[in-house]
Protein backbone atom coordinates (compact mmCIF):
# COMPACT_ATOMS: atom_id res chain seq x y z
CA MET A 1 0.00 0.00 0.00
CA GLN A 2 2.80 2.44 0.83
CA THR A 3 4.31 1.76 -2.60
CA ILE A 4 1.17 1.69 -4.73
CA ILE A 5 -1.15 4.33 -3.26
CA PRO A 6 1.18 7.34 -3.69
CA ALA A 7 2.10 6.20 -7.22
CA LEU A 8 -1.52 5.89 -8.33
CA PHE A 9 -3.37 8.56 -6.43
CA ARG A 10 -1.04 11.37 -5.35
CA GLN A 11 -1.64 14.67 -7.12
CA VAL A 12 0.96 17.43 -6.88
CA GLU A 13 -0.35 20.86 -7.82
CA GLY A 14 1.60 24.03 -8.46
CA VAL A 15 4.58 22.71 -10.45
CA THR A 16 4.99 24.13 -13.96
CA TYR A 17 7.94 22.95 -16.00
CA GLU A 18 9.88 24.70 -18.74
CA ARG A 19 11.29 21.98 -20.98
CA GLU A 20 14.73 22.19 -22.53
CA ARG A 21 16.08 19.67 -25.01
CA LEU A 22 19.75 18.94 -24.37
CA PHE A 23 21.77 17.62 -27.29
CA THR A 24 24.34 15.08 -26.16
CA PRO A 25 27.89 14.69 -27.51
CA ASP A 26 26.91 11.40 -29.21
CA ASP A 27 24.22 13.11 -31.33
CA ASP A 28 21.27 12.15 -29.17
CA PHE A 29 19.04 14.19 -26.86
CA ILE A 30 17.85 14.38 -23.26
CA ASP A 31 14.71 16.30 -22.29
CA ALA A 32 15.10 18.21 -19.04
CA ASP A 33 12.41 20.11 -17.15
CA TRP A 34 13.21 23.31 -15.25
CA SER A 35 11.23 24.81 -12.38
CA ARG A 36 12.98 28.07 -11.54
CA VAL A 37 12.33 30.49 -8.70
CA GLY A 38 15.36 32.70 -9.27
CA SER A 39 17.87 31.02 -6.98
CA ASP A 40 21.63 30.51 -7.03
CA LYS A 41 20.97 27.01 -5.64
CA LEU A 42 19.78 24.14 -7.83
CA LEU A 43 18.28 20.72 -7.11
CA ILE A 44 18.86 18.11 -9.85
CA LEU A 45 16.45 15.16 -9.71
CA SER A 46 16.82 11.68 -11.22
CA HIS A 47 13.72 9.47 -11.49
CA GLY A 48 13.22 5.72 -11.19
CA LEU A 49 13.05 2.86 -13.67
CA GLU A 50 10.57 3.63 -16.46
CA GLY A 51 9.66 6.86 -14.68
CA ASP A 52 9.75 10.45 -15.85
CA THR A 53 9.62 13.98 -14.49
CA GLU A 54 5.84 13.88 -14.11
CA ARG A 55 5.91 11.23 -11.40
CA PRO A 56 4.42 12.49 -8.13
CA TYR A 57 7.57 11.68 -6.14
CA ILE A 58 9.54 13.94 -8.49
CA LYS A 59 7.03 16.79 -8.61
CA GLY A 60 6.53 16.62 -4.85
CA MET A 61 10.26 17.09 -4.31
CA VAL A 62 10.41 19.88 -6.90
CA LYS A 63 7.57 21.70 -5.17
CA ALA A 64 9.10 21.30 -1.71
CA PHE A 65 12.42 22.81 -2.78
CA ASN A 66 10.85 25.57 -4.89
CA GLN A 67 8.91 26.63 -1.81
CA ARG A 68 12.20 26.85 0.06
CA GLY A 69 13.66 29.09 -2.65
CA VAL A 70 15.66 26.51 -4.62
CA ASP A 71 15.54 26.05 -8.41
CA ALA A 72 14.91 22.53 -9.69
CA LEU A 73 15.93 20.61 -12.80
CA ALA A 74 14.31 17.20 -13.30
CA TRP A 75 15.69 15.26 -16.24
CA ASN A 76 14.12 12.47 -18.26
CA TYR A 77 16.42 9.61 -19.20
CA ARG A 78 16.82 8.80 -22.86
CA SER A 79 13.49 7.40 -24.13
CA CYS A 80 11.59 8.50 -21.00
CA SER A 81 10.23 11.90 -22.09
CA GLY A 82 7.47 10.56 -24.33
CA GLU A 83 9.60 10.41 -27.48
CA PRO A 84 12.09 7.70 -28.50
CA ASN A 85 15.69 8.83 -28.40
CA LYS A 86 17.68 8.66 -31.63
CA LEU A 87 20.27 6.03 -30.81
CA LEU A 88 19.93 2.31 -30.22
CA ARG A 89 21.23 2.83 -26.70
CA SER A 90 18.73 4.05 -24.17
CA TYR A 91 19.35 4.36 -20.44
CA HIS A 92 20.53 1.94 -17.79
CA LEU A 93 21.15 2.01 -14.07
CA GLY A 94 24.86 2.77 -14.39
CA ALA A 95 24.64 5.55 -17.00
CA THR A 96 26.48 8.22 -15.05
CA ASP A 97 27.70 9.84 -18.25
CA ASP A 98 24.25 11.31 -18.82
CA LEU A 99 23.94 12.60 -15.24
CA ASP A 100 27.37 14.20 -15.55
CA PHE A 101 26.28 15.82 -18.81
CA VAL A 102 23.13 17.22 -17.19
CA VAL A 103 25.01 18.55 -14.15
CA LYS A 104 27.60 20.31 -16.28
CA HIS A 105 24.96 21.73 -18.61
CA ALA A 106 23.02 23.12 -15.65
CA LEU A 107 26.15 24.79 -14.29
CA GLN A 108 26.79 26.41 -17.67
CA ALA A 109 23.15 27.46 -18.09
CA GLY A 110 22.76 29.08 -14.70
CA ASN A 111 24.92 30.93 -12.23
CA TYR A 112 24.61 28.28 -9.53
CA SER A 113 26.94 28.30 -6.56
CA THR A 114 25.39 25.17 -5.06
CA VAL A 115 23.95 22.01 -6.59
CA TYR A 116 22.10 19.27 -4.71
CA LEU A 117 21.36 15.83 -6.12
CA VAL A 118 18.24 13.80 -5.36
CA GLY A 119 17.62 10.39 -6.87
CA PHE A 120 14.91 7.77 -6.55
CA SER A 121 15.41 4.03 -7.10
CA ALA A 122 17.29 3.71 -10.43
CA GLY A 123 18.09 7.43 -10.24
CA GLY A 124 19.49 6.93 -6.77
CA ASN A 125 21.83 4.21 -8.02
CA ILE A 126 23.01 6.44 -10.86
CA SER A 127 23.56 9.33 -8.41
CA LEU A 128 25.53 7.25 -5.90
CA LYS A 129 27.68 5.71 -8.63
CA TYR A 130 28.30 9.17 -10.09
CA LEU A 131 29.47 10.53 -6.74
CA GLY A 132 31.70 7.58 -5.92
CA GLU A 133 33.23 6.26 -9.13
CA ALA A 134 35.35 9.37 -9.82
CA PRO A 135 34.87 11.75 -6.88
CA GLU A 136 37.67 14.01 -8.07
CA LEU A 137 35.70 14.77 -11.25
CA VAL A 138 32.45 15.77 -9.52
CA PRO A 139 32.04 19.56 -9.93
CA GLN A 140 32.81 21.46 -6.74
CA GLN A 141 29.37 23.07 -6.83
CA VAL A 142 27.80 19.69 -6.02
CA LYS A 143 27.60 20.03 -2.26
CA ARG A 144 25.20 17.36 -0.96
CA ALA A 145 22.95 14.51 -2.10
CA ALA A 146 19.96 12.53 -0.84
CA VAL A 147 18.67 9.34 -2.46
CA PHE A 148 15.71 7.08 -1.71
CA SER A 149 14.71 3.45 -2.32
CA VAL A 150 17.95 2.56 -4.07
CA PRO A 151 18.82 -0.94 -5.35
CA ILE A 152 22.53 -0.47 -4.68
CA ASP A 153 23.09 -4.19 -5.35
CA LEU A 154 21.42 -4.70 -8.71
CA LYS A 155 21.57 -8.48 -8.97
CA SER A 156 19.97 -9.12 -5.59
CA SER A 157 17.23 -6.60 -6.33
CA ALA A 158 16.58 -8.12 -9.76
CA LYS A 159 15.94 -11.41 -7.98
CA LYS A 160 13.95 -9.87 -5.12
CA ILE A 161 11.34 -7.95 -7.11
CA SER A 162 8.09 -9.86 -7.57
CA LYS A 163 6.90 -11.25 -10.90
CA ILE A 164 3.93 -8.86 -10.83
CA TYR A 165 6.14 -5.77 -10.64
CA THR A 166 8.65 -7.26 -13.07
CA ARG A 167 5.99 -7.96 -15.66
CA ARG A 168 4.71 -4.40 -15.40
CA PHE A 169 8.18 -3.00 -16.07
CA LEU A 170 8.84 -5.46 -18.89
CA LYS A 171 5.60 -4.43 -20.60
CA SER A 172 6.61 -0.78 -20.52
CA LEU A 173 10.08 -1.61 -21.83
CA GLU A 174 8.58 -3.74 -24.62
CA GLN A 175 6.62 -0.76 -25.92
CA LYS A 176 9.81 1.29 -26.12
CA LEU A 177 11.73 -1.51 -27.82
CA ALA A 178 8.94 -1.82 -30.40
CA GLN A 179 9.33 1.87 -31.20
CA LYS A 180 13.10 1.52 -31.39
CA LYS A 181 12.83 -1.51 -33.68
CA LYS A 182 11.28 0.77 -36.32
CA LEU A 183 14.53 2.74 -36.30
CA TYR A 184 16.86 -0.27 -35.98
CA PRO A 185 14.98 -3.26 -37.44
CA GLU A 186 18.05 -5.50 -37.74
CA ALA A 187 19.39 -4.78 -34.26
CA LEU A 188 16.43 -5.93 -32.18
CA ASP A 189 14.70 -9.29 -32.05
CA LEU A 190 11.46 -9.12 -30.07
CA SER A 191 10.26 -12.65 -30.86
CA ASP A 192 9.04 -14.57 -27.80
CA TYR A 193 9.36 -11.42 -25.69
CA ASN A 194 6.23 -12.36 -23.77
CA LEU A 195 7.98 -15.50 -22.51
CA MET A 196 10.41 -13.45 -20.43
CA TRP A 197 9.56 -13.18 -16.76
CA SER A 198 12.71 -11.80 -15.15
CA PHE A 199 15.07 -8.85 -15.33
CA LEU A 200 17.96 -11.31 -15.71
CA GLU A 201 16.48 -12.50 -19.00
CA PHE A 202 15.76 -8.96 -20.18
CA ASP A 203 19.17 -7.60 -19.24
CA ASN A 204 20.98 -10.55 -20.84
CA ARG A 205 19.02 -10.16 -24.06
CA PHE A 206 18.80 -6.37 -24.35
CA THR A 207 20.43 -4.13 -21.73
CA ALA A 208 23.85 -5.80 -21.74
CA PRO A 209 24.53 -6.13 -25.50
CA ILE A 210 23.02 -2.77 -26.38
CA HIS A 211 25.08 -0.90 -23.77
CA GLY A 212 28.40 -2.69 -24.07
CA PHE A 213 28.24 -5.21 -21.24
CA ALA A 214 29.25 -8.85 -21.64
CA SER A 215 26.17 -10.16 -19.82
CA ALA A 216 23.54 -9.26 -17.27
CA ASP A 217 25.94 -10.30 -14.51
CA ASP A 218 28.61 -8.00 -15.96
CA TYR A 219 26.07 -5.17 -16.13
CA TYR A 220 25.00 -5.71 -12.53
CA ALA A 221 28.57 -5.98 -11.27
CA ARG A 222 29.83 -2.85 -13.01
CA SER A 223 26.73 -0.70 -12.46
CA SER A 224 25.83 -1.44 -8.84
CA SER A 225 26.56 1.62 -6.73
CA LYS A 226 27.33 -0.36 -3.56
CA GLN A 227 30.98 -0.75 -4.51
CA PHE A 228 31.39 3.03 -4.89
CA LEU A 229 30.00 4.07 -1.51
CA PRO A 230 33.40 4.08 0.25
CA LYS A 231 34.75 6.70 -2.18
CA ILE A 232 31.95 9.25 -1.90
CA LYS A 233 33.32 12.61 -0.72
CA VAL A 234 30.13 14.69 -0.81
CA PRO A 235 27.80 14.42 2.21
CA THR A 236 25.23 11.91 0.99
CA LEU A 237 22.14 10.38 2.60
CA LEU A 238 20.61 7.05 1.52
CA VAL A 239 17.14 6.17 2.83
CA ASN A 240 15.88 2.62 2.16
CA ALA A 241 12.69 1.51 3.90
CA LEU A 242 12.76 -1.86 5.63
CA ASN A 243 9.45 -2.78 3.97
CA ASP A 244 10.59 -1.89 0.44
CA PRO A 245 9.36 -4.79 -1.76
CA PHE A 246 12.12 -4.18 -4.34
CA LEU A 247 15.19 -4.33 -2.09
CA ALA A 248 17.12 -7.36 -0.83
CA LYS A 249 19.21 -7.35 2.35
CA GLU A 250 22.30 -6.48 0.28
CA CYS A 251 20.80 -3.02 -0.25
CA PHE A 252 21.10 -1.95 3.39
CA PRO A 253 24.74 -0.77 3.69
CA VAL A 254 25.16 -0.26 7.43
CA SER A 255 28.91 -0.93 7.42
CA ALA A 256 29.57 1.45 4.51
CA ALA A 257 27.95 4.26 6.49
CA GLU A 258 30.02 3.40 9.55
CA GLN A 259 33.25 3.51 7.57
CA ASN A 260 32.69 6.58 5.37
CA PRO A 261 32.09 9.84 7.33
CA HIS A 262 30.54 11.42 4.21
CA PHE A 263 27.93 8.69 3.69
CA TYR A 264 24.81 8.38 5.84
CA PHE A 265 22.32 5.51 5.79
CA GLU A 266 18.86 5.32 7.31
CA ALA A 267 16.35 2.46 7.24
CA PRO A 268 12.92 3.57 8.47
CA ALA A 269 10.40 0.80 9.15
CA GLY A 270 7.91 2.12 6.60
CA GLY A 271 7.88 3.89 3.29
CA GLY A 272 7.59 1.18 0.68
CA HIS A 273 9.32 1.85 -2.62
CA VAL A 274 9.55 5.61 -3.35
CA GLY A 275 6.37 6.06 -1.30
CA PHE A 276 7.28 7.57 2.08
CA ALA A 277 3.80 8.92 2.82
CA GLU A 278 3.51 9.17 6.58
CA ASP A 279 0.03 10.56 6.10
CA PHE A 280 -1.62 10.33 2.69
CA ARG A 281 -3.42 13.60 3.44
CA ASN A 282 -0.17 15.46 4.10
CA ASP A 283 1.10 17.53 1.18
CA LEU A 284 4.72 17.13 2.32
CA TYR A 285 5.88 13.51 2.24
CA TYR A 286 8.54 12.05 4.53
CA SER A 287 11.10 11.82 1.72
CA GLU A 288 10.67 15.51 0.93
CA ALA A 289 10.90 16.62 4.55
CA ARG A 290 13.97 14.43 5.06
CA ALA A 291 15.69 15.76 1.92
CA LEU A 292 14.96 19.37 2.88
CA LYS A 293 16.48 18.88 6.32
CA PHE A 294 19.56 17.01 5.15
CA LEU A 295 20.35 19.14 2.11
CA LEU A 296 19.40 22.63 3.27
CA GLU A 297 19.96 22.49 7.00
CA GLU A 298 23.19 20.50 6.59
CA GLU A 299 23.01 18.11 9.54
């Protein structure tokens, strides 16, 4: 209920985006949505698997930070803005090159002295990996980060997620692959797609070969953010609920938080997956209140 109800029924009013199409160095595009209030501080938000900037957990966070005087930039991953991207490649949970591109574009586009990162689920994994894989290359304006419901160990989470949720994601991904097949008919074989029932099958067949990985296991091993947590140098908070139906025990990094003074981990009893509604009638969700406190009040 904590996962499904906010996703289906939450309505966030008062957020109006200004879309900007960003043209990537590899001749593709990323659609990013701005919500500016005239600040020198910027929140950059990364959504979850098969999400987009219209998801209530994204718009709720945008609204919360706008009300505290912070600009927001929510970006849609390649193929997630309602229009297929141009290349065969799409997005995956280790694609930090695109986040880096968005961060650097935002810094060039606006006179921002401070940038905060917020990521949910897949976007949280991308954000953590980005901060930890090459910390010396993270722009100095990136001051703090907060991420929620993150499958930091991709293989265990791929096994943990139920067949009902998996099938829902696979159906959404199938629609995008069908669109992409029109552009690259020889590169994609969708025969017997409906016989797949796991992310391992999907990632072996599509994600890995399309994005340069040897296999699903290679993709999981190289893209999981768990291995990069010790190297994070920016104060970063990870919040994974104990009742999250997508996360295995490997996604609760207590020891990493104990060993890295810049990395903080919290595991509240409730929240579900990117839900975090303490009270469904409350306009400000727990995740938003927690991010505001950690990022702006600098605990």
